[in-house]
Amino acid sequence: MIKNIGIVGTGDIATQFVTQIDTKKYNIHSVFNRTSRSLINFTQIHDLTNGYTDYMEFLDDDALECVYIATPNQTHFKYAKEAIEKGKHVLCEKVLVLTASEAKELYRLAKEKNLVILEAVTLFYMPLYEEVKRLMRDGVLGQISGANITFGSCKEYDINNRFFSLEKGGGALFDIGPYGLSAAVYLLGTDLDLVATSAVMAKSGVDEKSVTILQNPQGQQASIQLSFRGKMPKQIVLTGDEGYLIINDFPRAEVGVVTFNDGSTKVIEKGHAKDVFTYEMDMLNHLSKRPETSEVPDVRDVSLRVLELMDDMRESWGYKLFK
């Protein structure tokens, strides 16, 4: 079992990981941060002993089995590739990388070395979504028509903030887009294609809001609305000819409600949001044993398809990555 985890980064999400993961199952073995002051502060607060400001030295530790990457988007590819080359499994915060070609390179390299790399899109791992897939297979909603997905917040424009920084891989697409697009692809399949997309761009060159329509060969459609310029519910509405399912606060949702055509309802409840990082590591261990995963989508396939769709969306918008 893969137990010893090294944290890359010392920000808010790294703090959540360290404080919420089940330490009876997993061990926070070490931490890397380029800034010694942040590293010392983080290790002291969380009572950790193995701290590094040199990434190669951090990776050279033979006891380290898995690297959790919790740094800004533009750093993910470099840190993940170097970790895989050193024989470490990788759990990387969203967005995994900035292009589908980078993802393909990492997946190829990981496969060659019998390693697993996963994107930490929380909805992939919350048990509620496995239950939703089961309900879909069982026809509880009837013939699935499509999904409507919204995710938005109102952020003050600041070119120095990573949310609006082209250099740091900013924009709503790379920040909250992985949630919206991953929900669509996870539920409706990797054969979803881009039908139409429109974005409003910030002065810094990143997207601040967008509306996108996807469709698969079965005629199922998904609409995804993302925004940094207006608050919207974090909501999935999955529709079928027998009823619809609403999931609120969807990245880490524990509850969904089905409303049937006759007005009756059914509550679906499964999982605990506080355990999401443990669920992520559980999945990494599950996939490292090379099991058959026919009933649950292989989230690596979902991540790759989402990045391919993002490539298409950015091309349509004229969003040029920082070089």
C-alpha atoms as a PDB file:
ATOM      1  CA  MET A   1       0.000   0.000   0.000  1.00  0.00           C
ATOM      2  CA  ILE A   2       1.217   3.503  -0.892  1.00  0.00           C
ATOM      3  CA  LYS A   3       1.363   5.378   2.426  1.00  0.00           C
ATOM      4  CA  ASN A   4       4.237   7.891   2.595  1.00  0.00           C
ATOM      5  CA  ILE A   5       3.220  11.195   1.006  1.00  0.00           C
ATOM      6  CA  GLY A   6       5.315  14.267   0.299  1.00  0.00           C
ATOM      7  CA  ILE A   7       3.570  17.642   0.014  1.00  0.00           C
ATOM      8  CA  VAL A   8       4.698  20.119  -2.652  1.00  0.00           C
ATOM      9  CA  GLY A   9       3.588  23.584  -1.568  1.00  0.00           C
ATOM     10  CA  THR A  10       2.468  25.096   1.721  1.00  0.00           C
ATOM     11  CA  GLY A  11      -0.652  27.063   0.788  1.00  0.00           C
ATOM     12  CA  ASP A  12      -4.279  26.714   1.825  1.00  0.00           C
ATOM     13  CA  ILE A  13      -5.037  23.512  -0.074  1.00  0.00           C
ATOM     14  CA  ALA A  14      -1.866  21.880   1.285  1.00  0.00           C
ATOM     15  CA  THR A  15      -3.038  22.817   4.781  1.00  0.00           C
ATOM     16  CA  GLN A  16      -6.407  21.207   4.091  1.00  0.00           C
ATOM     17  CA  PHE A  17      -4.693  18.046   2.876  1.00  0.00           C
ATOM     18  CA  VAL A  18      -2.436  17.732   5.912  1.00  0.00           C
ATOM     19  CA  THR A  19      -5.211  18.416   8.433  1.00  0.00           C
ATOM     20  CA  GLN A  20      -7.974  16.336   6.818  1.00  0.00           C
ATOM     21  CA  ILE A  21      -6.336  13.167   5.506  1.00  0.00           C
ATOM     22  CA  ASP A  22      -6.742  10.039   7.624  1.00  0.00           C
ATOM     23  CA  THR A  23      -3.371   9.729   9.357  1.00  0.00           C
ATOM     24  CA  LYS A  24      -4.245   6.221  10.515  1.00  0.00           C
ATOM     25  CA  LYS A  25      -4.004   5.151   6.869  1.00  0.00           C
ATOM     26  CA  TYR A  26      -1.542   7.661   5.381  1.00  0.00           C
ATOM     27  CA  ASN A  27       1.613   9.373   6.565  1.00  0.00           C
ATOM     28  CA  ILE A  28       2.696  12.917   5.708  1.00  0.00           C
ATOM     29  CA  HIS A  29       6.339  12.032   5.259  1.00  0.00           C
ATOM     30  CA  SER A  30       7.847  15.283   3.977  1.00  0.00           C
ATOM     31  CA  VAL A  31       7.224  18.770   2.612  1.00  0.00           C
ATOM     32  CA  PHE A  32       8.846  20.845  -0.115  1.00  0.00           C
ATOM     33  CA  ASN A  33       8.679  24.610  -0.578  1.00  0.00           C
ATOM     34  CA  ARG A  34      11.187  26.870  -2.286  1.00  0.00           C
ATOM     35  CA  THR A  35      10.785  29.528   0.431  1.00  0.00           C
ATOM     36  CA  SER A  36      12.421  28.508   3.703  1.00  0.00           C
ATOM     37  CA  ARG A  37      10.298  30.828   5.850  1.00  0.00           C
ATOM     38  CA  SER A  38       7.029  29.321   4.555  1.00  0.00           C
ATOM     39  CA  LEU A  39       8.461  25.816   4.857  1.00  0.00           C
ATOM     40  CA  ILE A  40       9.558  26.279   8.469  1.00  0.00           C
ATOM     41  CA  ASN A  41       6.241  27.823   9.438  1.00  0.00           C
ATOM     42  CA  PHE A  42       4.284  24.985   7.790  1.00  0.00           C
ATOM     43  CA  THR A  43       6.353  22.172   9.314  1.00  0.00           C
ATOM     44  CA  GLN A  44       6.201  23.712  12.786  1.00  0.00           C
ATOM     45  CA  ILE A  45       2.430  24.254  12.705  1.00  0.00           C
ATOM     46  CA  HIS A  46       1.761  20.697  11.522  1.00  0.00           C
ATOM     47  CA  ASP A  47       4.526  19.026  13.526  1.00  0.00           C
ATOM     48  CA  LEU A  48       6.363  17.681  10.468  1.00  0.00           C
ATOM     49  CA  THR A  49      10.060  16.887  10.463  1.00  0.00           C
ATOM     50  CA  ASN A  50      11.242  16.363   6.875  1.00  0.00           C
ATOM     51  CA  GLY A  51      11.302  19.751   5.152  1.00  0.00           C
ATOM     52  CA  TYR A  52      13.122  20.582   1.915  1.00  0.00           C
ATOM     53  CA  THR A  53      13.787  23.692  -0.168  1.00  0.00           C
ATOM     54  CA  ASP A  54      15.543  21.618  -2.859  1.00  0.00           C
ATOM     55  CA  TYR A  55      13.082  19.619  -4.976  1.00  0.00           C
ATOM     56  CA  MET A  56      15.567  17.013  -6.185  1.00  0.00           C
ATOM     57  CA  GLU A  57      16.705  16.361  -2.618  1.00  0.00           C
ATOM     58  CA  PHE A  58      13.041  16.020  -1.621  1.00  0.00           C
ATOM     59  CA  LEU A  59      12.490  13.433  -4.390  1.00  0.00           C
ATOM     60  CA  ASP A  60      15.685  11.511  -3.658  1.00  0.00           C
ATOM     61  CA  ASP A  61      14.231  10.242  -0.379  1.00  0.00           C
ATOM     62  CA  ASP A  62      13.692   6.496  -0.923  1.00  0.00           C
ATOM     63  CA  ALA A  63      10.936   6.353   1.717  1.00  0.00           C
ATOM     64  CA  LEU A  64       8.824   8.842  -0.248  1.00  0.00           C
ATOM     65  CA  GLU A  65       6.184   6.994  -2.296  1.00  0.00           C
ATOM     66  CA  CYS A  66       3.719   9.626  -3.518  1.00  0.00           C
ATOM     67  CA  VAL A  67       3.935  13.345  -4.225  1.00  0.00           C
ATOM     68  CA  TYR A  68       0.923  15.616  -3.671  1.00  0.00           C
ATOM     69  CA  ILE A  69       1.337  18.763  -5.776  1.00  0.00           C
ATOM     70  CA  ALA A  70      -0.432  21.839  -4.383  1.00  0.00           C
ATOM     71  CA  THR A  71       1.336  24.677  -6.173  1.00  0.00           C
ATOM     72  CA  PRO A  72       0.221  27.217  -8.827  1.00  0.00           C
ATOM     73  CA  ASN A  73      -1.045  25.793 -12.125  1.00  0.00           C
ATOM     74  CA  GLN A  74       1.957  26.664 -14.293  1.00  0.00           C
ATOM     75  CA  THR A  75       4.306  24.607 -12.080  1.00  0.00           C
ATOM     76  CA  HIS A  76       2.351  21.325 -12.195  1.00  0.00           C
ATOM     77  CA  PHE A  77       3.892  19.803 -15.313  1.00  0.00           C
ATOM     78  CA  LYS A  78       7.492  20.304 -14.189  1.00  0.00           C
ATOM     79  CA  TYR A  79       6.944  19.037 -10.652  1.00  0.00           C
ATOM     80  CA  ALA A  80       4.869  16.047 -11.795  1.00  0.00           C
ATOM     81  CA  LYS A  81       7.290  15.001 -14.519  1.00  0.00           C
ATOM     82  CA  GLU A  82      10.309  15.158 -12.239  1.00  0.00           C
ATOM     83  CA  ALA A  83       8.469  13.182  -9.549  1.00  0.00           C
ATOM     84  CA  ILE A  84       7.492  10.432 -11.999  1.00  0.00           C
ATOM     85  CA  GLU A  85      11.032  10.276 -13.364  1.00  0.00           C
ATOM     86  CA  LYS A  86      12.175   9.678  -9.783  1.00  0.00           C
ATOM     87  CA  GLY A  87       9.736   6.782  -9.390  1.00  0.00           C
ATOM     88  CA  LYS A  88       7.039   8.530  -7.341  1.00  0.00           C
ATOM     89  CA  HIS A  89       3.273   8.304  -7.748  1.00  0.00           C
ATOM     90  CA  VAL A  90       1.590  11.702  -8.194  1.00  0.00           C
ATOM     91  CA  LEU A  91      -1.619  13.254  -6.929  1.00  0.00           C
ATOM     92  CA  CYS A  92      -1.828  16.732  -8.457  1.00  0.00           C
ATOM     93  CA  GLU A  93      -4.275  19.511  -7.724  1.00  0.00           C
ATOM     94  CA  LYS A  94      -6.470  20.754 -10.529  1.00  0.00           C
ATOM     95  CA  VAL A  95      -5.872  21.801 -13.172  1.00  0.00           C
ATOM     96  CA  LEU A  96      -3.556  18.823 -13.773  1.00  0.00           C
ATOM     97  CA  VAL A  97      -1.565  20.656 -16.470  1.00  0.00           C
ATOM     98  CA  LEU A  98      -2.358  23.401 -18.962  1.00  0.00           C
ATOM     99  CA  THR A  99      -2.584  21.360 -22.185  1.00  0.00           C
ATOM    100  CA  ALA A 100      -3.680  17.905 -23.276  1.00  0.00           C
ATOM    101  CA  SER A 101      -0.260  17.240 -24.810  1.00  0.00           C
ATOM    102  CA  GLU A 102       1.398  17.748 -21.418  1.00  0.00           C
ATOM    103  CA  ALA A 103      -1.096  15.339 -19.822  1.00  0.00           C
ATOM    104  CA  LYS A 104      -0.432  12.707 -22.478  1.00  0.00           C
ATOM    105  CA  GLU A 105       3.300  12.964 -21.841  1.00  0.00           C
ATOM    106  CA  LEU A 106       2.815  12.492 -18.093  1.00  0.00           C
ATOM    107  CA  TYR A 107       0.421   9.555 -18.532  1.00  0.00           C
ATOM    108  CA  ARG A 108       2.819   7.892 -20.975  1.00  0.00           C
ATOM    109  CA  LEU A 109       5.762   8.333 -18.638  1.00  0.00           C
ATOM    110  CA  ALA A 110       3.782   7.072 -15.625  1.00  0.00           C
ATOM    111  CA  LYS A 111       2.639   3.987 -17.542  1.00  0.00           C
ATOM    112  CA  GLU A 112       6.212   3.187 -18.555  1.00  0.00           C
ATOM    113  CA  LYS A 113       7.254   3.294 -14.903  1.00  0.00           C
ATOM    114  CA  ASN A 114       4.165   1.478 -13.540  1.00  0.00           C
ATOM    115  CA  LEU A 115       3.114   4.570 -11.625  1.00  0.00           C
ATOM    116  CA  VAL A 116      -0.197   6.380 -11.174  1.00  0.00           C
ATOM    117  CA  ILE A 117      -0.781  10.091 -11.699  1.00  0.00           C
ATOM    118  CA  LEU A 118      -4.194  11.480 -10.754  1.00  0.00           C
ATOM    119  CA  GLU A 119      -5.815  14.901 -10.861  1.00  0.00           C
ATOM    120  CA  ALA A 120      -7.329  15.939  -7.526  1.00  0.00           C
ATOM    121  CA  VAL A 121     -10.721  17.023  -8.879  1.00  0.00           C
ATOM    122  CA  THR A 122     -12.710  16.270  -5.748  1.00  0.00           C
ATOM    123  CA  LEU A 123     -15.923  15.146  -7.444  1.00  0.00           C
ATOM    124  CA  PHE A 124     -14.023  12.209  -8.994  1.00  0.00           C
ATOM    125  CA  TYR A 125     -13.559  10.692  -5.565  1.00  0.00           C
ATOM    126  CA  MET A 126     -16.651  11.570  -3.543  1.00  0.00           C
ATOM    127  CA  PRO A 127     -18.757   8.386  -3.176  1.00  0.00           C
ATOM    128  CA  LEU A 128     -21.947  10.258  -4.114  1.00  0.00           C
ATOM    129  CA  TYR A 129     -20.909  10.285  -7.778  1.00  0.00           C
ATOM    130  CA  GLU A 130     -20.376   6.526  -7.917  1.00  0.00           C
ATOM    131  CA  GLU A 131     -23.934   6.259  -6.599  1.00  0.00           C
ATOM    132  CA  VAL A 132     -25.173   8.667  -9.277  1.00  0.00           C
ATOM    133  CA  LYS A 133     -23.529   6.557 -11.976  1.00  0.00           C
ATOM    134  CA  ARG A 134     -25.252   3.473 -10.532  1.00  0.00           C
ATOM    135  CA  LEU A 135     -28.635   5.235 -10.630  1.00  0.00           C
ATOM    136  CA  MET A 136     -27.992   6.197 -14.243  1.00  0.00           C
ATOM    137  CA  ARG A 137     -27.135   2.606 -15.159  1.00  0.00           C
ATOM    138  CA  ASP A 138     -30.273   1.401 -13.361  1.00  0.00           C
ATOM    139  CA  GLY A 139     -32.435   3.853 -15.317  1.00  0.00           C
ATOM    140  CA  VAL A 140     -33.770   5.669 -12.253  1.00  0.00           C
ATOM    141  CA  LEU A 141     -33.906   8.946 -14.218  1.00  0.00           C
ATOM    142  CA  GLY A 142     -34.974   7.188 -17.397  1.00  0.00           C
ATOM    143  CA  GLN A 143     -33.235   8.113 -20.625  1.00  0.00           C
ATOM    144  CA  ILE A 144     -30.628  10.759 -19.780  1.00  0.00           C
ATOM    145  CA  SER A 145     -31.090  13.979 -21.745  1.00  0.00           C
ATOM    146  CA  GLY A 146     -28.241  16.100 -20.446  1.00  0.00           C
ATOM    147  CA  ALA A 147     -26.778  18.214 -17.681  1.00  0.00           C
ATOM    148  CA  ASN A 148     -26.669  21.872 -16.745  1.00  0.00           C
ATOM    149  CA  ILE A 149     -23.677  22.887 -14.634  1.00  0.00           C
ATOM    150  CA  THR A 150     -22.955  26.275 -13.031  1.00  0.00           C
ATOM    151  CA  PHE A 151     -20.021  27.453 -10.930  1.00  0.00           C
ATOM    152  CA  GLY A 152     -19.269  31.096 -10.249  1.00  0.00           C
ATOM    153  CA  SER A 153     -17.824  33.581  -7.812  1.00  0.00           C
ATOM    154  CA  CYS A 154     -17.228  37.320  -7.875  1.00  0.00           C
ATOM    155  CA  LYS A 155     -13.532  38.151  -7.617  1.00  0.00           C
ATOM    156  CA  GLU A 156     -12.051  41.631  -7.585  1.00  0.00           C
ATOM    157  CA  TYR A 157      -9.888  42.124 -10.650  1.00  0.00           C
ATOM    158  CA  ASP A 158      -6.214  42.203  -9.714  1.00  0.00           C
ATOM    159  CA  ILE A 159      -3.554  41.408 -12.294  1.00  0.00           C
ATOM    160  CA  ASN A 160      -1.167  40.394  -9.493  1.00  0.00           C
ATOM    161  CA  ASN A 161      -3.592  37.766  -8.211  1.00  0.00           C
ATOM    162  CA  ARG A 162      -3.093  34.253  -9.641  1.00  0.00           C
ATOM    163  CA  PHE A 163      -6.775  34.166 -10.641  1.00  0.00           C
ATOM    164  CA  PHE A 164      -6.163  36.820 -13.300  1.00  0.00           C
ATOM    165  CA  SER A 165      -2.477  36.203 -14.039  1.00  0.00           C
ATOM    166  CA  LEU A 166      -1.665  34.888 -17.505  1.00  0.00           C
ATOM    167  CA  GLU A 167       1.838  33.968 -16.332  1.00  0.00           C
ATOM    168  CA  LYS A 168       0.446  31.784 -13.516  1.00  0.00           C
ATOM    169  CA  GLY A 169      -2.104  29.945 -15.661  1.00  0.00           C
ATOM    170  CA  GLY A 170      -5.027  31.990 -14.383  1.00  0.00           C
ATOM    171  CA  GLY A 171      -8.609  32.382 -15.535  1.00  0.00           C
ATOM    172  CA  ALA A 172     -11.894  30.763 -14.597  1.00  0.00           C
ATOM    173  CA  LEU A 173     -11.310  27.872 -17.019  1.00  0.00           C
ATOM    174  CA  PHE A 174      -8.184  26.630 -15.258  1.00  0.00           C
ATOM    175  CA  ASP A 175      -9.442  27.371 -11.741  1.00  0.00           C
ATOM    176  CA  ILE A 176     -13.113  26.299 -11.582  1.00  0.00           C
ATOM    177  CA  GLY A 177     -13.425  24.922 -15.104  1.00  0.00           C
ATOM    178  CA  PRO A 178     -12.001  21.512 -14.143  1.00  0.00           C
ATOM    179  CA  TYR A 179     -14.984  21.068 -11.819  1.00  0.00           C
ATOM    180  CA  GLY A 180     -17.632  22.027 -14.353  1.00  0.00           C
ATOM    181  CA  LEU A 181     -16.167  20.211 -17.339  1.00  0.00           C
ATOM    182  CA  SER A 182     -15.183  17.152 -15.299  1.00  0.00           C
ATOM    183  CA  ALA A 183     -18.733  16.841 -13.971  1.00  0.00           C
ATOM    184  CA  ALA A 184     -20.056  16.799 -17.542  1.00  0.00           C
ATOM    185  CA  VAL A 185     -17.506  14.323 -18.862  1.00  0.00           C
ATOM    186  CA  TYR A 186     -17.688  12.060 -15.789  1.00  0.00           C
ATOM    187  CA  LEU A 187     -21.479  11.803 -16.046  1.00  0.00           C
ATOM    188  CA  LEU A 188     -22.040  11.878 -19.818  1.00  0.00           C
ATOM    189  CA  GLY A 189     -18.849  10.313 -21.131  1.00  0.00           C
ATOM    190  CA  THR A 190     -15.523  11.040 -22.788  1.00  0.00           C
ATOM    191  CA  ASP A 191     -17.206  11.159 -26.209  1.00  0.00           C
ATOM    192  CA  LEU A 192     -18.573  14.638 -25.473  1.00  0.00           C
ATOM    193  CA  ASP A 193     -17.487  17.142 -28.122  1.00  0.00           C
ATOM    194  CA  LEU A 194     -17.445  20.924 -28.168  1.00  0.00           C
ATOM    195  CA  VAL A 195     -20.491  22.400 -29.908  1.00  0.00           C
ATOM    196  CA  ALA A 196     -20.125  26.072 -29.015  1.00  0.00           C
ATOM    197  CA  THR A 197     -18.355  28.275 -26.487  1.00  0.00           C
ATOM    198  CA  SER A 198     -18.167  31.976 -25.724  1.00  0.00           C
ATOM    199  CA  ALA A 199     -15.986  33.819 -23.231  1.00  0.00           C
ATOM    200  CA  VAL A 200     -15.413  37.313 -21.923  1.00  0.00           C
ATOM    201  CA  MET A 201     -11.706  37.923 -21.470  1.00  0.00           C
ATOM    202  CA  ALA A 202     -10.037  39.992 -18.759  1.00  0.00           C
ATOM    203  CA  LYS A 203      -7.546  42.720 -19.666  1.00  0.00           C
ATOM    204  CA  SER A 204      -4.743  40.410 -18.522  1.00  0.00           C
ATOM    205  CA  GLY A 205      -5.579  37.918 -21.283  1.00  0.00           C
ATOM    206  CA  VAL A 206      -7.320  35.218 -19.225  1.00  0.00           C
ATOM    207  CA  ASP A 207     -11.005  34.285 -19.306  1.00  0.00           C
ATOM    208  CA  GLU A 208     -13.212  35.784 -16.622  1.00  0.00           C
ATOM    209  CA  LYS A 209     -16.497  34.106 -17.615  1.00  0.00           C
ATOM    210  CA  SER A 210     -17.773  31.670 -20.222  1.00  0.00           C
ATOM    211  CA  VAL A 211     -20.695  29.596 -21.448  1.00  0.00           C
ATOM    212  CA  THR A 212     -20.035  26.275 -23.195  1.00  0.00           C
ATOM    213  CA  ILE A 213     -22.201  23.608 -24.825  1.00  0.00           C
ATOM    214  CA  LEU A 214     -21.057  20.000 -25.277  1.00  0.00           C
ATOM    215  CA  GLN A 215     -22.804  17.056 -26.953  1.00  0.00           C
ATOM    216  CA  ASN A 216     -22.112  13.352 -27.417  1.00  0.00           C
ATOM    217  CA  PRO A 217     -23.159  11.041 -30.290  1.00  0.00           C
ATOM    218  CA  GLN A 218     -26.155   9.859 -28.238  1.00  0.00           C
ATOM    219  CA  GLY A 219     -27.577  13.374 -28.310  1.00  0.00           C
ATOM    220  CA  GLN A 220     -26.934  14.063 -24.630  1.00  0.00           C
ATOM    221  CA  GLN A 221     -26.005  17.687 -24.050  1.00  0.00           C
ATOM    222  CA  ALA A 222     -24.186  19.574 -21.318  1.00  0.00           C
ATOM    223  CA  SER A 223     -24.122  23.298 -20.697  1.00  0.00           C
ATOM    224  CA  ILE A 224     -21.377  24.695 -18.458  1.00  0.00           C
ATOM    225  CA  GLN A 225     -21.392  28.261 -17.171  1.00  0.00           C
ATOM    226  CA  LEU A 226     -18.287  29.527 -15.353  1.00  0.00           C
ATOM    227  CA  SER A 227     -17.636  32.944 -13.876  1.00  0.00           C
ATOM    228  CA  PHE A 228     -15.193  35.009 -11.843  1.00  0.00           C
ATOM    229  CA  ARG A 229     -17.501  38.013 -12.254  1.00  0.00           C
ATOM    230  CA  GLY A 230     -20.736  36.842 -10.688  1.00  0.00           C
ATOM    231  CA  LYS A 231     -21.802  34.477  -7.936  1.00  0.00           C
ATOM    232  CA  MET A 232     -23.570  31.325  -9.126  1.00  0.00           C
ATOM    233  CA  PRO A 233     -24.508  28.105  -7.363  1.00  0.00           C
ATOM    234  CA  LYS A 234     -22.068  25.220  -7.526  1.00  0.00           C
ATOM    235  CA  GLN A 235     -24.780  23.078  -9.029  1.00  0.00           C
ATOM    236  CA  ILE A 236     -25.346  20.100 -11.302  1.00  0.00           C
ATOM    237  CA  VAL A 237     -28.793  19.446 -12.745  1.00  0.00           C
ATOM    238  CA  LEU A 238     -28.887  16.045 -14.466  1.00  0.00           C
ATOM    239  CA  THR A 239     -32.048  15.513 -16.503  1.00  0.00           C
ATOM    240  CA  GLY A 240     -33.805  12.411 -17.792  1.00  0.00           C
ATOM    241  CA  ASP A 241     -37.254  11.572 -19.155  1.00  0.00           C
ATOM    242  CA  GLU A 242     -38.318  10.138 -15.755  1.00  0.00           C
ATOM    243  CA  GLY A 243     -37.076  13.019 -13.606  1.00  0.00           C
ATOM    244  CA  TYR A 244     -34.090  15.171 -12.687  1.00  0.00           C
ATOM    245  CA  LEU A 245     -31.305  15.122 -10.107  1.00  0.00           C
ATOM    246  CA  ILE A 246     -29.954  18.247  -8.404  1.00  0.00           C
ATOM    247  CA  ILE A 247     -26.570  18.248  -6.671  1.00  0.00           C
ATOM    248  CA  ASN A 248     -25.624  21.445  -4.850  1.00  0.00           C
ATOM    249  CA  ASP A 249     -22.105  22.428  -3.715  1.00  0.00           C
ATOM    250  CA  PHE A 250     -21.094  19.742  -6.136  1.00  0.00           C
ATOM    251  CA  PRO A 251     -17.317  19.389  -5.962  1.00  0.00           C
ATOM    252  CA  ARG A 252     -17.535  17.848  -2.482  1.00  0.00           C
ATOM    253  CA  ALA A 253     -21.254  17.056  -2.362  1.00  0.00           C
ATOM    254  CA  GLU A 254     -22.632  14.422  -0.016  1.00  0.00           C
ATOM    255  CA  VAL A 255     -26.309  14.722  -1.010  1.00  0.00           C
ATOM    256  CA  GLY A 256     -28.365  14.779  -4.197  1.00  0.00           C
ATOM    257  CA  VAL A 257     -32.129  15.009  -4.652  1.00  0.00           C
ATOM    258  CA  VAL A 258     -34.073  13.288  -7.421  1.00  0.00           C
ATOM    259  CA  THR A 259     -37.427  14.803  -8.390  1.00  0.00           C
ATOM    260  CA  PHE A 260     -39.599  12.473 -10.456  1.00  0.00           C
ATOM    261  CA  ASN A 261     -42.142  13.516 -13.049  1.00  0.00           C
ATOM    262  CA  ASP A 262     -45.013  12.840 -10.626  1.00  0.00           C
ATOM    263  CA  GLY A 263     -43.524  15.267  -8.071  1.00  0.00           C
ATOM    264  CA  SER A 264     -42.187  12.644  -5.669  1.00  0.00           C
ATOM    265  CA  THR A 265     -38.585  12.906  -4.499  1.00  0.00           C
ATOM    266  CA  LYS A 266     -35.727  10.643  -3.478  1.00  0.00           C
ATOM    267  CA  VAL A 267     -32.728  11.776  -1.433  1.00  0.00           C
ATOM    268  CA  ILE A 268     -29.344  10.218  -2.229  1.00  0.00           C
ATOM    269  CA  GLU A 269     -26.713  10.562   0.457  1.00  0.00           C
ATOM    270  CA  LYS A 270     -23.248   9.039   0.453  1.00  0.00           C
ATOM    271  CA  GLY A 271     -19.750   9.970   1.604  1.00  0.00           C
ATOM    272  CA  HIS A 272     -18.260  12.689   3.795  1.00  0.00           C
ATOM    273  CA  ALA A 273     -16.651  15.847   2.438  1.00  0.00           C
ATOM    274  CA  LYS A 274     -14.035  15.878   5.190  1.00  0.00           C
ATOM    275  CA  ASP A 275     -12.683  12.577   3.887  1.00  0.00           C
ATOM    276  CA  VAL A 276     -12.113  13.662   0.279  1.00  0.00           C
ATOM    277  CA  PHE A 277      -8.300  13.618   0.445  1.00  0.00           C
ATOM    278  CA  THR A 278      -8.410  10.123   1.916  1.00  0.00           C
ATOM    279  CA  TYR A 279     -10.743   9.089  -0.915  1.00  0.00           C
ATOM    280  CA  GLU A 280      -8.223  10.491  -3.404  1.00  0.00           C
ATOM    281  CA  MET A 281      -5.381   8.447  -1.963  1.00  0.00           C
ATOM    282  CA  ASP A 282      -7.635   5.403  -1.760  1.00  0.00           C
ATOM    283  CA  MET A 283      -8.296   5.708  -5.507  1.00  0.00           C
ATOM    284  CA  LEU A 284      -4.587   6.090  -6.238  1.00  0.00           C
ATOM    285  CA  ASN A 285      -3.928   2.880  -4.326  1.00  0.00           C
ATOM    286  CA  HIS A 286      -6.846   1.188  -6.093  1.00  0.00           C
ATOM    287  CA  LEU A 287      -5.504   2.077  -9.545  1.00  0.00           C
ATOM    288  CA  SER A 288      -1.931   1.173  -8.631  1.00  0.00           C
ATOM    289  CA  LYS A 289      -3.072  -2.455  -8.357  1.00  0.00           C
ATOM    290  CA  ARG A 290      -4.312  -2.336 -11.991  1.00  0.00           C
ATOM    291  CA  PRO A 291      -7.896  -3.449 -11.287  1.00  0.00           C
ATOM    292  CA  GLU A 292     -10.786  -3.544 -13.712  1.00  0.00           C
ATOM    293  CA  THR A 293     -12.806  -0.355 -13.276  1.00  0.00           C
ATOM    294  CA  SER A 294     -15.668  -1.024 -15.662  1.00  0.00           C
ATOM    295  CA  GLU A 295     -18.434   0.388 -13.440  1.00  0.00           C
ATOM    296  CA  VAL A 296     -16.628   3.589 -12.506  1.00  0.00           C
ATOM    297  CA  PRO A 297     -15.040   5.890 -15.109  1.00  0.00           C
ATOM    298  CA  ASP A 298     -11.257   5.872 -15.118  1.00  0.00           C
ATOM    299  CA  VAL A 299     -10.721   9.424 -13.935  1.00  0.00           C
ATOM    300  CA  ARG A 300      -7.464   9.650 -15.904  1.00  0.00           C
ATOM    301  CA  ASP A 301      -9.482   9.323 -19.106  1.00  0.00           C
ATOM    302  CA  VAL A 302     -11.868  11.998 -17.849  1.00  0.00           C
ATOM    303  CA  SER A 303      -9.007  14.381 -16.985  1.00  0.00           C
ATOM    304  CA  LEU A 304      -7.460  13.952 -20.420  1.00  0.00           C
ATOM    305  CA  ARG A 305     -10.744  14.532 -22.267  1.00  0.00           C
ATOM    306  CA  VAL A 306     -11.393  17.650 -20.181  1.00  0.00           C
ATOM    307  CA  LEU A 307      -7.989  19.047 -21.134  1.00  0.00           C
ATOM    308  CA  GLU A 308      -8.669  18.308 -24.807  1.00  0.00           C
ATOM    309  CA  LEU A 309     -11.934  20.227 -24.526  1.00  0.00           C
ATOM    310  CA  MET A 310     -10.117  23.066 -22.757  1.00  0.00           C
ATOM    311  CA  ASP A 311      -7.614  23.219 -25.621  1.00  0.00           C
ATOM    312  CA  ASP A 312     -10.520  23.571 -28.061  1.00  0.00           C
ATOM    313  CA  MET A 313     -12.228  26.205 -25.922  1.00  0.00           C
ATOM    314  CA  ARG A 314      -9.094  28.317 -25.536  1.00  0.00           C
ATOM    315  CA  GLU A 315      -8.440  28.136 -29.266  1.00  0.00           C
ATOM    316  CA  SER A 316     -11.956  29.384 -29.908  1.00  0.00           C
ATOM    317  CA  TRP A 317     -11.495  32.252 -27.456  1.00  0.00           C
ATOM    318  CA  GLY A 318      -8.001  33.224 -28.602  1.00  0.00           C
ATOM    319  CA  TYR A 319      -6.584  32.523 -25.124  1.00  0.00           C
ATOM    320  CA  LYS A 320      -2.819  32.216 -25.666  1.00  0.00           C
ATOM    321  CA  LEU A 321      -0.810  30.579 -22.901  1.00  0.00           C
ATOM    322  CA  PHE A 322       2.089  32.519 -21.393  1.00  0.00           C
ATOM    323  CA  LYS A 323       5.425  31.442 -22.879  1.00  0.00           C
END
